[in-house]
Amino acid sequence: MKLKSPGKSISKVEVLNISNHGIWLSINEKEYFLPYENYSWFKKARLEEIYNIKFTNGHHLYWPDLDVDLELDCIANPAKYPLSYK
């Protein structure tokens, strides 16, 4: 059986703070910090671009205006993902 349309997502993501050092997110009631030194895509982004965030499948973050995709696990466990774009 296949649904005609997906159900309403119960997973929540919220931008808590944007500072000179990075971005604070709340995802399913846990806080995560994305420092600009590791996530440079956000450093010069406009507020509207950062706040336009989609959280899908309970583990995927997407900023459509910035064309940035991140898996929640790479934010929660950065040591497992040592490669980064400079």
N, C-alpha and C. Protein backbone atom coordinates (compact mmCIF):
# COMPACT_ATOMS: atom_id res chain seq x y z
N MET A 1 0.84 -1.19 0.00
CA MET A 1 0.00 0.00 0.00
C MET A 1 0.88 1.24 0.00
N LYS A 2 0.53 2.21 -0.79
CA LYS A 2 1.30 3.44 -0.89
C LYS A 2 0.39 4.63 -0.59
N LEU A 3 0.88 5.53 0.25
CA LEU A 3 0.11 6.73 0.59
C LEU A 3 0.14 7.72 -0.58
N LYS A 4 -0.93 8.45 -0.77
CA LYS A 4 -0.98 9.46 -1.82
C LYS A 4 -0.09 10.65 -1.48
N SER A 5 -0.01 10.97 -0.21
CA SER A 5 0.86 12.06 0.23
C SER A 5 1.45 11.69 1.57
N PRO A 6 2.67 12.16 1.85
CA PRO A 6 3.30 11.83 3.13
C PRO A 6 2.56 12.47 4.29
N GLY A 7 2.66 11.84 5.44
CA GLY A 7 2.04 12.39 6.64
C GLY A 7 2.82 13.57 7.17
N LYS A 8 2.26 14.25 8.12
CA LYS A 8 2.90 15.41 8.72
C LYS A 8 4.11 14.96 9.54
N SER A 9 5.23 15.64 9.34
CA SER A 9 6.45 15.32 10.06
C SER A 9 6.31 15.71 11.53
N ILE A 10 6.74 14.83 12.42
CA ILE A 10 6.73 15.16 13.84
C ILE A 10 8.13 15.55 14.32
N SER A 11 9.12 15.42 13.44
CA SER A 11 10.48 15.84 13.76
C SER A 11 10.56 17.35 13.62
N LYS A 12 11.27 17.98 14.55
CA LYS A 12 11.33 19.43 14.53
C LYS A 12 12.77 19.92 14.51
N VAL A 13 13.00 20.96 13.73
CA VAL A 13 14.28 21.64 13.70
C VAL A 13 14.01 23.14 13.85
N GLU A 14 14.87 23.80 14.62
CA GLU A 14 14.71 25.23 14.86
C GLU A 14 16.09 25.86 14.95
N VAL A 15 16.26 27.00 14.32
CA VAL A 15 17.48 27.77 14.46
C VAL A 15 17.33 28.56 15.75
N LEU A 16 18.20 28.29 16.72
CA LEU A 16 18.12 28.94 18.02
C LEU A 16 18.88 30.25 18.08
N ASN A 17 20.06 30.27 17.41
CA ASN A 17 20.91 31.45 17.50
C ASN A 17 21.87 31.46 16.32
N ILE A 18 22.19 32.65 15.86
CA ILE A 18 23.22 32.84 14.84
C ILE A 18 24.19 33.86 15.42
N SER A 19 25.45 33.44 15.59
CA SER A 19 26.45 34.33 16.20
C SER A 19 27.60 34.56 15.24
N ASN A 20 28.61 35.27 15.69
CA ASN A 20 29.82 35.49 14.90
C ASN A 20 30.65 34.22 14.75
N HIS A 21 30.31 33.19 15.53
CA HIS A 21 31.10 31.96 15.55
C HIS A 21 30.41 30.79 14.86
N GLY A 22 29.09 30.84 14.74
CA GLY A 22 28.38 29.74 14.11
C GLY A 22 26.88 29.79 14.38
N ILE A 23 26.26 28.65 14.16
CA ILE A 23 24.80 28.53 14.26
C ILE A 23 24.44 27.48 15.29
N TRP A 24 23.47 27.79 16.12
CA TRP A 24 22.91 26.83 17.07
C TRP A 24 21.57 26.33 16.53
N LEU A 25 21.43 25.00 16.48
CA LEU A 25 20.18 24.39 16.05
C LEU A 25 19.60 23.56 17.18
N SER A 26 18.28 23.48 17.23
CA SER A 26 17.59 22.55 18.10
C SER A 26 16.90 21.54 17.18
N ILE A 27 17.26 20.27 17.36
CA ILE A 27 16.68 19.21 16.53
C ILE A 27 16.14 18.15 17.47
N ASN A 28 14.84 17.97 17.42
CA ASN A 28 14.18 17.00 18.31
C ASN A 28 14.60 17.19 19.76
N GLU A 29 14.61 18.46 20.18
CA GLU A 29 14.90 18.86 21.55
C GLU A 29 16.35 18.66 21.99
N LYS A 30 17.27 18.45 21.04
CA LYS A 30 18.70 18.42 21.33
C LYS A 30 19.34 19.61 20.62
N GLU A 31 20.36 20.20 21.26
CA GLU A 31 21.03 21.35 20.68
C GLU A 31 22.33 20.93 19.99
N TYR A 32 22.58 21.56 18.84
CA TYR A 32 23.78 21.30 18.05
C TYR A 32 24.38 22.64 17.64
N PHE A 33 25.72 22.70 17.64
CA PHE A 33 26.43 23.90 17.22
C PHE A 33 27.17 23.61 15.93
N LEU A 34 26.98 24.47 14.93
CA LEU A 34 27.67 24.35 13.66
C LEU A 34 28.63 25.54 13.54
N PRO A 35 29.90 25.35 13.91
CA PRO A 35 30.86 26.46 13.83
C PRO A 35 31.20 26.77 12.37
N TYR A 36 31.38 28.06 12.08
CA TYR A 36 31.70 28.47 10.72
C TYR A 36 33.00 27.86 10.22
N GLU A 37 33.93 27.59 11.12
CA GLU A 37 35.21 27.01 10.67
C GLU A 37 35.00 25.62 10.06
N ASN A 38 33.96 24.92 10.45
CA ASN A 38 33.65 23.61 9.88
C ASN A 38 32.52 23.65 8.86
N TYR A 39 31.66 24.63 8.96
CA TYR A 39 30.49 24.75 8.09
C TYR A 39 30.49 26.14 7.46
N SER A 40 31.49 26.39 6.64
CA SER A 40 31.72 27.74 6.09
C SER A 40 30.60 28.22 5.16
N TRP A 41 29.76 27.32 4.67
CA TRP A 41 28.66 27.71 3.78
C TRP A 41 27.74 28.72 4.43
N PHE A 42 27.66 28.69 5.76
CA PHE A 42 26.71 29.54 6.47
C PHE A 42 27.27 30.91 6.85
N LYS A 43 28.59 31.08 6.77
CA LYS A 43 29.22 32.30 7.28
C LYS A 43 28.70 33.57 6.60
N LYS A 44 28.54 33.54 5.30
CA LYS A 44 28.08 34.74 4.59
C LYS A 44 26.64 34.61 4.10
N ALA A 45 25.94 33.61 4.60
CA ALA A 45 24.54 33.41 4.20
C ALA A 45 23.64 34.47 4.83
N ARG A 46 22.59 34.80 4.13
CA ARG A 46 21.59 35.72 4.67
C ARG A 46 20.74 34.99 5.70
N LEU A 47 20.15 35.73 6.62
CA LEU A 47 19.29 35.13 7.65
C LEU A 47 18.19 34.28 7.05
N GLU A 48 17.54 34.79 6.00
CA GLU A 48 16.44 34.04 5.38
C GLU A 48 16.92 32.69 4.86
N GLU A 49 18.14 32.65 4.35
CA GLU A 49 18.69 31.40 3.81
C GLU A 49 18.96 30.39 4.91
N ILE A 50 19.43 30.86 6.04
CA ILE A 50 19.71 29.96 7.17
C ILE A 50 18.42 29.47 7.80
N TYR A 51 17.45 30.34 7.93
CA TYR A 51 16.19 29.95 8.56
C TYR A 51 15.33 29.05 7.66
N ASN A 52 15.60 29.04 6.39
CA ASN A 52 14.86 28.18 5.47
C ASN A 52 15.51 26.78 5.47
N ILE A 53 15.17 26.01 6.46
CA ILE A 53 15.77 24.69 6.67
C ILE A 53 14.67 23.62 6.66
N LYS A 54 14.96 22.52 6.01
CA LYS A 54 14.03 21.38 5.96
C LYS A 54 14.67 20.21 6.69
N PHE A 55 13.87 19.49 7.46
CA PHE A 55 14.35 18.31 8.19
C PHE A 55 13.49 17.13 7.75
N THR A 56 14.09 16.20 7.05
CA THR A 56 13.32 15.09 6.49
C THR A 56 13.87 13.75 6.96
N ASN A 57 13.01 12.79 6.96
CA ASN A 57 13.35 11.40 7.28
C ASN A 57 13.97 11.23 8.67
N GLY A 58 13.88 12.25 9.51
CA GLY A 58 14.40 12.15 10.87
C GLY A 58 15.92 12.21 10.97
N HIS A 59 16.59 12.47 9.83
CA HIS A 59 18.06 12.49 9.89
C HIS A 59 18.71 13.36 8.82
N HIS A 60 17.94 14.04 8.02
CA HIS A 60 18.50 14.79 6.89
C HIS A 60 18.10 16.26 6.98
N LEU A 61 19.11 17.14 6.97
CA LEU A 61 18.91 18.58 6.99
C LEU A 61 19.21 19.14 5.61
N TYR A 62 18.36 20.05 5.13
CA TYR A 62 18.55 20.62 3.81
C TYR A 62 18.20 22.10 3.83
N TRP A 63 19.13 22.91 3.34
CA TRP A 63 18.94 24.34 3.17
C TRP A 63 18.82 24.59 1.67
N PRO A 64 17.60 24.66 1.12
CA PRO A 64 17.43 24.76 -0.32
C PRO A 64 18.03 26.03 -0.93
N ASP A 65 17.97 27.15 -0.24
CA ASP A 65 18.52 28.39 -0.78
C ASP A 65 20.04 28.36 -0.89
N LEU A 66 20.68 27.55 -0.07
CA LEU A 66 22.14 27.45 -0.05
C LEU A 66 22.63 26.18 -0.75
N ASP A 67 21.70 25.29 -1.09
CA ASP A 67 22.01 23.99 -1.67
C ASP A 67 22.99 23.21 -0.77
N VAL A 68 22.69 23.20 0.53
CA VAL A 68 23.50 22.49 1.52
C VAL A 68 22.67 21.34 2.09
N ASP A 69 23.27 20.14 2.05
CA ASP A 69 22.67 18.93 2.61
C ASP A 69 23.58 18.41 3.71
N LEU A 70 23.02 18.10 4.86
CA LEU A 70 23.80 17.51 5.95
C LEU A 70 23.00 16.38 6.59
N GLU A 71 23.68 15.32 6.90
CA GLU A 71 23.07 14.25 7.68
C GLU A 71 23.24 14.63 9.15
N LEU A 72 22.24 14.38 9.95
CA LEU A 72 22.30 14.70 11.37
C LEU A 72 23.48 14.01 12.04
N ASP A 73 23.80 12.80 11.62
CA ASP A 73 24.90 12.07 12.24
C ASP A 73 26.24 12.79 12.06
N CYS A 74 26.45 13.51 10.96
CA CYS A 74 27.73 14.21 10.79
C CYS A 74 27.84 15.41 11.73
N ILE A 75 26.70 15.95 12.16
CA ILE A 75 26.71 17.03 13.15
C ILE A 75 26.86 16.46 14.56
N ALA A 76 26.16 15.37 14.82
CA ALA A 76 26.19 14.76 16.15
C ALA A 76 27.51 14.04 16.43
N ASN A 77 28.16 13.52 15.39
CA ASN A 77 29.40 12.74 15.56
C ASN A 77 30.46 13.21 14.56
N PRO A 78 30.95 14.43 14.68
CA PRO A 78 31.88 14.96 13.68
C PRO A 78 33.19 14.18 13.56
N ALA A 79 33.62 13.48 14.59
CA ALA A 79 34.86 12.70 14.51
C ALA A 79 34.76 11.57 13.49
N LYS A 80 33.55 11.12 13.20
CA LYS A 80 33.35 10.05 12.22
C LYS A 80 33.45 10.57 10.78
N TYR A 81 33.46 11.90 10.61
CA TYR A 81 33.46 12.51 9.28
C TYR A 81 34.59 13.55 9.20
N PRO A 82 35.84 13.09 9.13
CA PRO A 82 36.97 14.03 9.21
C PRO A 82 37.19 14.90 7.98
N LEU A 83 36.64 14.54 6.83
CA LEU A 83 36.86 15.35 5.64
C LEU A 83 35.94 16.56 5.66
N SER A 84 36.48 17.69 5.25
CA SER A 84 35.67 18.90 5.18
C SER A 84 36.11 19.72 3.99
N TYR A 85 35.21 20.56 3.51
CA TYR A 85 35.48 21.43 2.37
C TYR A 85 36.05 22.75 2.89
N LYS A 86 37.09 23.22 2.28
CA LYS A 86 37.69 24.51 2.67
C LYS A 86 37.58 25.50 1.53
